[in-house]
Amino acid sequence: MLDLVLEGNIEQKLLCVGCNARLGSFNWAGMQCSCGTWVNPAFQLHKNRIDECPL
């Protein structure tokens, strides 16, 4: 995420700080949802890479 501040990246992968596995991505300019709506800023997370914690 430091690259974002230093280089002005608007789009990048989200990586685990422990094992460097790809968890998802972000795009400050936005992404289009499958329903057609634009979401800005946009964050995508891979469901199979995220732990579920019941409340």
Protein backbone atom coordinates (compact mmCIF):
# COMPACT_ATOMS: atom_id res chain seq x y z
CA MET A 1 0.00 0.00 0.00
CA LEU A 2 3.03 2.25 0.41
CA ASP A 3 3.38 2.23 -3.41
CA LEU A 4 0.02 3.98 -3.57
CA VAL A 5 1.31 6.91 -1.56
CA LEU A 6 4.76 7.11 -3.13
CA GLU A 7 3.93 6.38 -6.77
CA GLY A 8 0.26 7.39 -7.01
CA ASN A 9 -1.01 3.92 -7.97
CA ILE A 10 -4.80 3.86 -8.17
CA GLU A 11 -5.10 0.12 -8.71
CA GLN A 12 -3.24 -2.68 -6.97
CA LYS A 13 -3.49 -6.18 -5.50
CA LEU A 14 -4.21 -6.72 -1.81
CA LEU A 15 -1.64 -9.13 -0.39
CA CYS A 16 -1.31 -10.89 2.96
CA VAL A 17 1.52 -9.33 4.96
CA GLY A 18 2.45 -12.75 6.42
CA CYS A 19 2.59 -15.06 3.40
CA ASN A 20 2.16 -12.67 0.43
CA ALA A 21 -0.96 -14.54 -0.82
CA ARG A 22 -3.32 -12.49 -2.97
CA LEU A 23 -6.46 -11.60 -0.99
CA GLY A 24 -8.09 -9.35 -3.58
CA SER A 25 -7.57 -5.95 -5.18
CA PHE A 26 -8.58 -2.31 -4.96
CA ASN A 27 -9.15 0.50 -7.43
CA TRP A 28 -9.56 4.09 -6.25
CA ALA A 29 -11.03 5.07 -9.65
CA GLY A 30 -13.81 2.49 -9.21
CA MET A 31 -15.08 -0.70 -10.82
CA GLN A 32 -18.34 -1.70 -12.43
CA CYS A 33 -20.48 -4.20 -10.50
CA SER A 34 -22.06 -7.16 -12.28
CA CYS A 35 -25.42 -5.32 -11.91
CA GLY A 36 -24.04 -2.41 -13.96
CA THR A 37 -23.60 0.10 -11.10
CA TRP A 38 -20.24 1.84 -10.71
CA VAL A 39 -18.67 1.59 -7.23
CA ASN A 40 -16.06 4.16 -6.29
CA PRO A 41 -13.64 3.41 -4.63
CA ALA A 42 -13.82 -0.34 -5.18
CA PHE A 43 -12.39 -3.18 -3.12
CA GLN A 44 -12.66 -6.82 -4.19
CA LEU A 45 -11.91 -9.67 -1.80
CA HIS A 46 -11.72 -13.35 -2.73
CA LYS A 47 -14.28 -15.11 -0.54
CA ASN A 48 -12.22 -18.32 -0.37
CA ARG A 49 -9.23 -16.38 1.00
CA ILE A 50 -11.07 -14.67 3.85
CA ASP A 51 -11.88 -16.28 7.21
CA GLU A 52 -15.54 -16.21 8.27
CA CYS A 53 -16.22 -15.19 11.85
CA PRO A 54 -19.81 -15.78 13.06
CA LEU A 55 -21.17 -13.15 15.45
